[in-house]
Amino acid sequence: QLKNRLAAEGLFEDARKRPIPKLPERVGLITSTAGSAIHDLLIRLRGRFHLVILPVKVQGDSAAQEIAEAIRFANAHRVADVLVVGRGGGSLEDLWAFNEEAVARAIFHSRIPVISAVGHEDHWTIADYVADVRASTPTHAAQLLAQEQQAFVDQIHELVEGLADG
């Protein structure tokens, strides 16, 4: 019912989704510091971007509120150019915080583009539908960011080589 209501309100519309910046300086990570997701993101992103970690609970009674608050905090203080919101996989119950209306609306109202990186390939949450980009896992989110950066750097190199040759 919530998914249908949010869809009817336009929260999932592709037309409102923003592109992820090609060269973000700061990447905000909204996840638990205890899970494997943070380690995967740090390993793949450290040294490429300035990382801002906003630690939250990703399951349990207060998780959805903490996630929504972290998104609002990131926006109020403009701590990042892009946000990765997520956690590693788990059961449907483990992922439930990312199906809560508070999280969906916080993502929708975020002025900072959001990558939802919740669970595994076969798990979709309401956060995935609202986010600007859905990554199947936190590792996939890191790969997307790194690929965008590398593609931009490669394009610059080609342009410089073209100028040198011309």
N, C-alpha and C. Protein backbone atom coordinates (compact mmCIF):
# COMPACT_ATOMS: atom_id res chain seq x y z
N GLN A 1 0.82 -1.20 0.00
CA GLN A 1 0.00 0.00 0.00
C GLN A 1 0.86 1.26 0.00
N LEU A 2 1.92 1.25 0.83
CA LEU A 2 2.81 2.41 0.88
C LEU A 2 3.48 2.63 -0.47
N LYS A 3 3.96 1.56 -1.06
CA LYS A 3 4.62 1.68 -2.37
C LYS A 3 3.67 2.27 -3.40
N ASN A 4 2.45 1.79 -3.44
CA ASN A 4 1.45 2.30 -4.39
C ASN A 4 1.14 3.78 -4.13
N ARG A 5 1.02 4.15 -2.85
CA ARG A 5 0.72 5.54 -2.50
C ARG A 5 1.87 6.46 -2.90
N LEU A 6 3.10 6.06 -2.61
CA LEU A 6 4.26 6.89 -2.95
C LEU A 6 4.43 6.99 -4.47
N ALA A 7 4.16 5.90 -5.17
CA ALA A 7 4.23 5.93 -6.64
C ALA A 7 3.19 6.90 -7.19
N ALA A 8 1.98 6.88 -6.64
CA ALA A 8 0.92 7.78 -7.09
C ALA A 8 1.29 9.24 -6.82
N GLU A 9 2.07 9.49 -5.77
CA GLU A 9 2.52 10.85 -5.45
C GLU A 9 3.69 11.29 -6.32
N GLY A 10 4.25 10.38 -7.11
CA GLY A 10 5.33 10.74 -8.02
C GLY A 10 6.74 10.56 -7.47
N LEU A 11 6.89 9.91 -6.32
CA LEU A 11 8.21 9.76 -5.72
C LEU A 11 9.14 8.85 -6.52
N PHE A 12 8.59 8.01 -7.39
CA PHE A 12 9.43 7.07 -8.14
C PHE A 12 9.68 7.52 -9.58
N GLU A 13 9.17 8.66 -9.97
CA GLU A 13 9.24 9.10 -11.37
C GLU A 13 10.67 9.35 -11.83
N ASP A 14 11.01 8.81 -12.98
CA ASP A 14 12.35 8.98 -13.53
C ASP A 14 12.67 10.43 -13.85
N ALA A 15 11.67 11.20 -14.23
CA ALA A 15 11.87 12.60 -14.63
C ALA A 15 12.44 13.45 -13.49
N ARG A 16 12.21 13.08 -12.24
CA ARG A 16 12.70 13.88 -11.11
C ARG A 16 14.06 13.43 -10.62
N LYS A 17 14.56 12.34 -11.16
CA LYS A 17 15.84 11.80 -10.69
C LYS A 17 17.00 12.58 -11.29
N ARG A 18 18.01 12.83 -10.44
CA ARG A 18 19.16 13.61 -10.85
C ARG A 18 20.33 12.70 -11.17
N PRO A 19 21.21 13.16 -12.06
CA PRO A 19 22.41 12.36 -12.33
C PRO A 19 23.37 12.44 -11.15
N ILE A 20 24.17 11.41 -11.02
CA ILE A 20 25.22 11.39 -10.01
C ILE A 20 26.37 12.24 -10.55
N PRO A 21 26.96 13.12 -9.74
CA PRO A 21 28.08 13.93 -10.23
C PRO A 21 29.22 13.06 -10.73
N LYS A 22 29.83 13.46 -11.84
CA LYS A 22 30.92 12.68 -12.42
C LYS A 22 32.18 12.74 -11.57
N LEU A 23 32.43 13.87 -10.95
CA LEU A 23 33.61 14.02 -10.10
C LEU A 23 33.24 14.60 -8.73
N PRO A 24 32.54 13.82 -7.94
CA PRO A 24 32.21 14.35 -6.61
C PRO A 24 33.48 14.47 -5.77
N GLU A 25 33.59 15.56 -5.03
CA GLU A 25 34.72 15.70 -4.12
C GLU A 25 34.46 14.90 -2.85
N ARG A 26 33.22 14.99 -2.36
CA ARG A 26 32.87 14.35 -1.09
C ARG A 26 31.72 13.38 -1.29
N VAL A 27 31.91 12.18 -0.78
CA VAL A 27 30.88 11.14 -0.85
C VAL A 27 30.43 10.84 0.57
N GLY A 28 29.14 11.01 0.82
CA GLY A 28 28.58 10.71 2.13
C GLY A 28 28.11 9.27 2.19
N LEU A 29 28.55 8.55 3.21
CA LEU A 29 28.16 7.15 3.40
C LEU A 29 27.24 7.06 4.60
N ILE A 30 25.99 6.72 4.34
CA ILE A 30 25.01 6.59 5.41
C ILE A 30 24.74 5.10 5.58
N THR A 31 25.37 4.52 6.60
CA THR A 31 25.28 3.09 6.84
C THR A 31 25.78 2.80 8.24
N SER A 32 25.75 1.56 8.62
CA SER A 32 26.27 1.14 9.92
C SER A 32 27.79 1.03 9.85
N THR A 33 28.46 1.41 10.92
CA THR A 33 29.91 1.24 10.96
C THR A 33 30.28 -0.18 11.39
N ALA A 34 29.29 -0.97 11.75
CA ALA A 34 29.56 -2.33 12.22
C ALA A 34 29.45 -3.39 11.12
N GLY A 35 28.84 -3.06 10.01
CA GLY A 35 28.59 -4.06 8.98
C GLY A 35 29.69 -4.13 7.94
N SER A 36 29.55 -5.09 7.05
CA SER A 36 30.54 -5.26 5.98
C SER A 36 30.40 -4.18 4.91
N ALA A 37 29.24 -3.55 4.81
CA ALA A 37 29.02 -2.53 3.78
C ALA A 37 30.04 -1.40 3.91
N ILE A 38 30.27 -0.92 5.13
CA ILE A 38 31.19 0.20 5.31
C ILE A 38 32.60 -0.20 4.89
N HIS A 39 32.99 -1.43 5.21
CA HIS A 39 34.33 -1.88 4.84
C HIS A 39 34.49 -1.98 3.32
N ASP A 40 33.48 -2.51 2.65
CA ASP A 40 33.52 -2.60 1.18
C ASP A 40 33.62 -1.21 0.56
N LEU A 41 32.82 -0.27 1.05
CA LEU A 41 32.84 1.09 0.52
C LEU A 41 34.19 1.77 0.77
N LEU A 42 34.71 1.62 1.98
CA LEU A 42 35.99 2.25 2.31
C LEU A 42 37.13 1.70 1.46
N ILE A 43 37.16 0.39 1.29
CA ILE A 43 38.22 -0.23 0.49
C ILE A 43 38.20 0.29 -0.94
N ARG A 44 37.02 0.42 -1.51
CA ARG A 44 36.91 0.80 -2.92
C ARG A 44 36.94 2.30 -3.18
N LEU A 45 36.60 3.11 -2.17
CA LEU A 45 36.49 4.55 -2.40
C LEU A 45 37.61 5.37 -1.76
N ARG A 46 38.25 4.83 -0.73
CA ARG A 46 39.31 5.58 -0.04
C ARG A 46 40.42 5.93 -1.04
N GLY A 47 40.84 7.16 -1.00
CA GLY A 47 41.89 7.62 -1.91
C GLY A 47 41.34 8.21 -3.20
N ARG A 48 40.10 7.88 -3.53
CA ARG A 48 39.47 8.45 -4.73
C ARG A 48 38.64 9.68 -4.39
N PHE A 49 37.99 9.63 -3.23
CA PHE A 49 37.08 10.69 -2.80
C PHE A 49 37.31 10.98 -1.33
N HIS A 50 36.92 12.18 -0.91
CA HIS A 50 36.86 12.48 0.52
C HIS A 50 35.57 11.83 1.03
N LEU A 51 35.69 10.94 1.99
CA LEU A 51 34.54 10.20 2.49
C LEU A 51 34.05 10.80 3.80
N VAL A 52 32.75 11.01 3.88
CA VAL A 52 32.11 11.50 5.09
C VAL A 52 31.18 10.39 5.56
N ILE A 53 31.47 9.84 6.71
CA ILE A 53 30.68 8.72 7.23
C ILE A 53 29.65 9.26 8.21
N LEU A 54 28.38 8.93 7.94
CA LEU A 54 27.28 9.29 8.82
C LEU A 54 26.73 7.97 9.36
N PRO A 55 27.22 7.53 10.53
CA PRO A 55 26.84 6.21 11.04
C PRO A 55 25.39 6.18 11.53
N VAL A 56 24.70 5.10 11.16
CA VAL A 56 23.31 4.90 11.56
C VAL A 56 23.07 3.42 11.84
N LYS A 57 21.99 3.16 12.55
CA LYS A 57 21.52 1.78 12.64
C LYS A 57 20.84 1.47 11.32
N VAL A 58 20.99 0.26 10.82
CA VAL A 58 20.38 -0.11 9.55
C VAL A 58 19.29 -1.16 9.72
N GLN A 59 19.04 -1.56 10.95
CA GLN A 59 17.90 -2.42 11.22
C GLN A 59 17.48 -2.20 12.66
N GLY A 60 16.23 -2.54 12.93
CA GLY A 60 15.70 -2.35 14.27
C GLY A 60 14.73 -1.18 14.32
N ASP A 61 14.18 -0.97 15.51
CA ASP A 61 13.10 -0.01 15.69
C ASP A 61 13.44 1.42 15.29
N SER A 62 14.61 1.90 15.62
CA SER A 62 14.93 3.31 15.35
C SER A 62 15.73 3.51 14.07
N ALA A 63 15.98 2.45 13.32
CA ALA A 63 16.84 2.54 12.14
C ALA A 63 16.30 3.51 11.08
N ALA A 64 15.04 3.38 10.73
CA ALA A 64 14.48 4.24 9.68
C ALA A 64 14.59 5.71 10.07
N GLN A 65 14.31 6.03 11.31
CA GLN A 65 14.40 7.42 11.76
C GLN A 65 15.84 7.91 11.70
N GLU A 66 16.80 7.08 12.11
CA GLU A 66 18.21 7.47 12.06
C GLU A 66 18.68 7.70 10.62
N ILE A 67 18.26 6.84 9.72
CA ILE A 67 18.64 6.98 8.31
C ILE A 67 18.07 8.28 7.75
N ALA A 68 16.79 8.53 8.00
CA ALA A 68 16.14 9.75 7.52
C ALA A 68 16.82 10.99 8.10
N GLU A 69 17.14 10.95 9.39
CA GLU A 69 17.81 12.08 10.04
C GLU A 69 19.20 12.33 9.43
N ALA A 70 19.92 11.27 9.14
CA ALA A 70 21.25 11.41 8.54
C ALA A 70 21.16 12.05 7.15
N ILE A 71 20.15 11.68 6.38
CA ILE A 71 19.95 12.29 5.06
C ILE A 71 19.64 13.77 5.22
N ARG A 72 18.76 14.11 6.15
CA ARG A 72 18.42 15.52 6.38
C ARG A 72 19.64 16.30 6.89
N PHE A 73 20.42 15.70 7.79
CA PHE A 73 21.63 16.35 8.31
C PHE A 73 22.61 16.63 7.17
N ALA A 74 22.83 15.62 6.32
CA ALA A 74 23.76 15.77 5.20
C ALA A 74 23.34 16.93 4.31
N ASN A 75 22.05 17.08 4.09
CA ASN A 75 21.55 18.17 3.26
C ASN A 75 21.66 19.51 3.97
N ALA A 76 21.30 19.56 5.24
CA ALA A 76 21.33 20.82 5.98
C ALA A 76 22.75 21.37 6.07
N HIS A 77 23.74 20.48 6.16
CA HIS A 77 25.12 20.90 6.33
C HIS A 77 25.95 20.71 5.07
N ARG A 78 25.30 20.29 4.00
CA ARG A 78 25.93 20.08 2.68
C ARG A 78 27.27 19.35 2.83
N VAL A 79 27.21 18.20 3.49
CA VAL A 79 28.43 17.45 3.82
C VAL A 79 28.99 16.65 2.65
N ALA A 80 28.21 16.49 1.58
CA ALA A 80 28.67 15.65 0.47
C ALA A 80 28.06 16.12 -0.84
N ASP A 81 28.66 15.65 -1.93
CA ASP A 81 28.15 15.92 -3.27
C ASP A 81 27.23 14.81 -3.75
N VAL A 82 27.34 13.65 -3.13
CA VAL A 82 26.50 12.50 -3.41
C VAL A 82 26.43 11.67 -2.13
N LEU A 83 25.28 11.04 -1.90
CA LEU A 83 25.09 10.19 -0.72
C LEU A 83 24.90 8.74 -1.17
N VAL A 84 25.55 7.83 -0.47
CA VAL A 84 25.31 6.40 -0.63
C VAL A 84 24.60 5.96 0.64
N VAL A 85 23.37 5.49 0.48
CA VAL A 85 22.55 5.07 1.62
C VAL A 85 22.32 3.58 1.48
N GLY A 86 22.77 2.80 2.47
CA GLY A 86 22.55 1.37 2.32
C GLY A 86 23.14 0.51 3.40
N ARG A 87 23.16 -0.76 3.08
CA ARG A 87 23.66 -1.81 3.95
C ARG A 87 23.85 -3.06 3.12
N GLY A 88 24.54 -4.02 3.67
CA GLY A 88 24.67 -5.30 3.01
C GLY A 88 23.36 -6.05 3.05
N GLY A 89 23.34 -7.21 2.49
CA GLY A 89 22.12 -7.99 2.40
C GLY A 89 21.60 -8.48 3.73
N GLY A 90 20.55 -9.21 3.64
CA GLY A 90 19.89 -9.76 4.82
C GLY A 90 18.50 -10.20 4.44
N SER A 91 17.78 -10.61 5.43
CA SER A 91 16.40 -11.02 5.19
C SER A 91 15.54 -9.79 4.92
N LEU A 92 14.34 -10.02 4.45
CA LEU A 92 13.41 -8.91 4.22
C LEU A 92 13.22 -8.10 5.49
N GLU A 93 13.15 -8.77 6.63
CA GLU A 93 12.98 -8.08 7.90
C GLU A 93 14.21 -7.22 8.22
N ASP A 94 15.40 -7.73 7.90
CA ASP A 94 16.63 -6.98 8.15
C ASP A 94 16.68 -5.70 7.32
N LEU A 95 16.11 -5.74 6.14
CA LEU A 95 16.15 -4.60 5.23
C LEU A 95 14.98 -3.63 5.42
N TRP A 96 14.08 -3.94 6.34
CA TRP A 96 12.81 -3.23 6.41
C TRP A 96 12.94 -1.73 6.61
N ALA A 97 13.95 -1.24 7.30
CA ALA A 97 14.09 0.20 7.54
C ALA A 97 14.10 0.97 6.22
N PHE A 98 14.59 0.33 5.15
CA PHE A 98 14.67 0.98 3.85
C PHE A 98 13.34 0.92 3.09
N ASN A 99 12.33 0.34 3.71
CA ASN A 99 10.97 0.32 3.17
C ASN A 99 10.06 1.29 3.91
N GLU A 100 10.60 2.05 4.84
CA GLU A 100 9.80 2.96 5.67
C GLU A 100 9.58 4.30 4.97
N GLU A 101 8.41 4.87 5.20
CA GLU A 101 8.05 6.14 4.57
C GLU A 101 9.01 7.26 4.93
N ALA A 102 9.49 7.30 6.16
CA ALA A 102 10.40 8.36 6.58
C ALA A 102 11.66 8.37 5.72
N VAL A 103 12.20 7.20 5.41
CA VAL A 103 13.40 7.10 4.59
C VAL A 103 13.08 7.51 3.15
N ALA A 104 11.96 7.03 2.64
CA ALA A 104 11.57 7.37 1.27
C ALA A 104 11.42 8.88 1.10
N ARG A 105 10.76 9.53 2.03
CA ARG A 105 10.54 10.98 1.91
C ARG A 105 11.84 11.76 2.10
N ALA A 106 12.73 11.28 2.98
CA ALA A 106 14.02 11.96 3.16
C ALA A 106 14.84 11.88 1.87
N ILE A 107 14.84 10.72 1.22
CA ILE A 107 15.54 10.58 -0.05
C ILE A 107 14.90 11.49 -1.10
N PHE A 108 13.60 11.48 -1.17
CA PHE A 108 12.88 12.30 -2.15
C PHE A 108 13.20 13.78 -1.99
N HIS A 109 13.28 14.26 -0.76
CA HIS A 109 13.51 15.68 -0.51
C HIS A 109 14.99 16.06 -0.49
N SER A 110 15.86 15.10 -0.61
CA SER A 110 17.29 15.38 -0.60
C SER A 110 17.69 16.22 -1.81
N ARG A 111 18.42 17.29 -1.54
CA ARG A 111 18.98 18.10 -2.64
C ARG A 111 20.26 17.47 -3.15
N ILE A 112 20.85 16.60 -2.35
CA ILE A 112 22.06 15.88 -2.73
C ILE A 112 21.61 14.59 -3.42
N PRO A 113 22.14 14.27 -4.60
CA PRO A 113 21.77 13.01 -5.26
C PRO A 113 22.06 11.81 -4.34
N VAL A 114 21.18 10.82 -4.42
CA VAL A 114 21.27 9.65 -3.54
C VAL A 114 21.39 8.37 -4.37
N ILE A 115 22.37 7.56 -3.99
CA ILE A 115 22.49 6.19 -4.50
C ILE A 115 22.00 5.27 -3.40
N SER A 116 20.98 4.49 -3.69
CA SER A 116 20.50 3.48 -2.75
C SER A 116 21.29 2.21 -3.00
N ALA A 117 21.88 1.67 -1.95
CA ALA A 117 22.72 0.47 -2.06
C ALA A 117 22.33 -0.50 -0.96
N VAL A 118 21.17 -1.10 -1.14
CA VAL A 118 20.59 -1.94 -0.09
C VAL A 118 20.52 -3.38 -0.56
N GLY A 119 21.13 -4.26 0.18
CA GLY A 119 20.92 -5.68 -0.05
C GLY A 119 21.70 -6.27 -1.19
N HIS A 120 21.09 -7.19 -1.87
CA HIS A 120 21.70 -7.92 -2.96
C HIS A 120 20.86 -7.74 -4.22
N GLU A 121 21.31 -8.35 -5.31
CA GLU A 121 20.65 -8.22 -6.61
C GLU A 121 19.13 -8.42 -6.56
N ASP A 122 18.68 -9.41 -5.81
CA ASP A 122 17.26 -9.77 -5.84
C ASP A 122 16.41 -9.03 -4.82
N HIS A 123 17.00 -8.16 -4.00
CA HIS A 123 16.23 -7.40 -3.03
C HIS A 123 16.03 -5.98 -3.52
N TRP A 124 14.78 -5.55 -3.60
CA TRP A 124 14.45 -4.17 -3.93
C TRP A 124 13.66 -3.60 -2.76
N THR A 125 14.00 -2.38 -2.37
CA THR A 125 13.28 -1.71 -1.29
C THR A 125 12.66 -0.44 -1.85
N ILE A 126 11.79 0.18 -1.08
CA ILE A 126 11.18 1.44 -1.50
C ILE A 126 12.27 2.49 -1.69
N ALA A 127 13.32 2.46 -0.87
CA ALA A 127 14.44 3.40 -1.03
C ALA A 127 15.05 3.28 -2.42
N ASP A 128 15.13 2.06 -2.95
CA ASP A 128 15.68 1.85 -4.29
C ASP A 128 14.86 2.56 -5.35
N TYR A 129 13.55 2.54 -5.20
CA TYR A 129 12.67 3.17 -6.19
C TYR A 129 12.73 4.70 -6.13
N VAL A 130 12.95 5.26 -4.93
CA VAL A 130 12.95 6.71 -4.77
C VAL A 130 14.31 7.31 -5.12
N ALA A 131 15.37 6.60 -4.84
CA ALA A 131 16.73 7.13 -5.03
C ALA A 131 16.98 7.52 -6.48
N ASP A 132 17.96 8.38 -6.66
CA ASP A 132 18.33 8.82 -8.00
C ASP A 132 18.94 7.67 -8.80
N VAL A 133 19.70 6.81 -8.12
CA VAL A 133 20.30 5.64 -8.73
C VAL A 133 20.19 4.48 -7.75
N ARG A 134 19.91 3.30 -8.26
CA ARG A 134 19.89 2.10 -7.43
C ARG A 134 21.12 1.26 -7.74
N ALA A 135 21.86 0.93 -6.71
CA ALA A 135 22.97 -0.02 -6.82
C ALA A 135 22.53 -1.28 -6.10
N SER A 136 22.85 -2.43 -6.65
CA SER A 136 22.36 -3.68 -6.07
C SER A 136 23.02 -3.99 -4.72
N THR A 137 24.21 -3.48 -4.50
CA THR A 137 24.94 -3.69 -3.24
C THR A 137 25.79 -2.46 -2.96
N PRO A 138 26.31 -2.32 -1.75
CA PRO A 138 27.26 -1.22 -1.49
C PRO A 138 28.50 -1.31 -2.39
N THR A 139 28.99 -2.51 -2.65
CA THR A 139 30.14 -2.67 -3.54
C THR A 139 29.81 -2.15 -4.93
N HIS A 140 28.61 -2.44 -5.41
CA HIS A 140 28.17 -1.94 -6.71
C HIS A 140 28.11 -0.41 -6.72
N ALA A 141 27.66 0.21 -5.63
CA ALA A 141 27.63 1.67 -5.55
C ALA A 141 29.04 2.25 -5.67
N ALA A 142 29.99 1.63 -4.99
CA ALA A 142 31.38 2.08 -5.08
C ALA A 142 31.90 1.93 -6.50
N GLN A 143 31.56 0.83 -7.15
CA GLN A 143 31.99 0.61 -8.53
C GLN A 143 31.41 1.67 -9.46
N LEU A 144 30.15 2.01 -9.27
CA LEU A 144 29.52 3.05 -10.10
C LEU A 144 30.25 4.39 -9.95
N LEU A 145 30.54 4.77 -8.72
CA LEU A 145 31.23 6.03 -8.49
C LEU A 145 32.63 6.01 -9.09
N ALA A 146 33.35 4.93 -8.89
CA ALA A 146 34.71 4.82 -9.43
C ALA A 146 34.71 4.80 -10.95
N GLN A 147 33.73 4.12 -11.56
CA GLN A 147 33.65 4.05 -13.02
C GLN A 147 33.37 5.43 -13.61
N GLU A 148 32.47 6.18 -12.99
CA GLU A 148 32.16 7.53 -13.47
C GLU A 148 33.41 8.40 -13.43
N GLN A 149 34.14 8.32 -12.32
CA GLN A 149 35.36 9.10 -12.18
C GLN A 149 36.39 8.69 -13.23
N GLN A 150 36.59 7.39 -13.40
CA GLN A 150 37.59 6.91 -14.35
C GLN A 150 37.21 7.27 -15.79
N ALA A 151 35.94 7.18 -16.13
CA ALA A 151 35.49 7.54 -17.48
C ALA A 151 35.77 9.02 -17.76
N PHE A 152 35.54 9.86 -16.76
CA PHE A 152 35.81 11.29 -16.93
C PHE A 152 37.30 11.55 -17.11
N VAL A 153 38.12 10.90 -16.28
CA VAL A 153 39.58 11.05 -16.39
C VAL A 153 40.07 10.56 -17.75
N ASP A 154 39.54 9.43 -18.21
CA ASP A 154 39.93 8.90 -19.53
C ASP A 154 39.57 9.89 -20.64
N GLN A 155 38.40 10.50 -20.54
CA GLN A 155 37.97 11.47 -21.54
C GLN A 155 38.91 12.68 -21.55
N ILE A 156 39.32 13.14 -20.40
CA ILE A 156 40.25 14.26 -20.31
C ILE A 156 41.58 13.89 -20.97
N HIS A 157 42.08 12.69 -20.69
CA HIS A 157 43.34 12.24 -21.30
C HIS A 157 43.23 12.20 -22.82
N GLU A 158 42.12 11.72 -23.33
CA GLU A 158 41.92 11.66 -24.79
C GLU A 158 41.91 13.06 -25.39
N LEU A 159 41.26 13.99 -24.71
CA LEU A 159 41.22 15.37 -25.21
C LEU A 159 42.62 16.01 -25.19
N VAL A 160 43.37 15.76 -24.14
CA VAL A 160 44.72 16.31 -24.05
C VAL A 160 45.61 15.70 -25.13
N GLU A 161 45.50 14.40 -25.33
CA GLU A 161 46.29 13.74 -26.38
C GLU A 161 45.90 14.28 -27.76
N GLY A 162 44.60 14.51 -27.97
CA GLY A 162 44.15 15.07 -29.23
C GLY A 162 44.70 16.45 -29.49
N LEU A 163 44.79 17.26 -28.44
CA LEU A 163 45.37 18.60 -28.57
C LEU A 163 46.87 18.52 -28.85
N ALA A 164 47.53 17.58 -28.18
CA ALA A 164 48.98 17.43 -28.38
C ALA A 164 49.30 16.94 -29.78
N ASP A 165 48.46 16.06 -30.30
CA ASP A 165 48.68 15.51 -31.64
C ASP A 165 48.29 16.51 -32.73
N GLY A 166 47.36 17.39 -32.41
CA GLY A 166 46.82 18.30 -33.41
C GLY A 166 47.67 19.49 -33.57
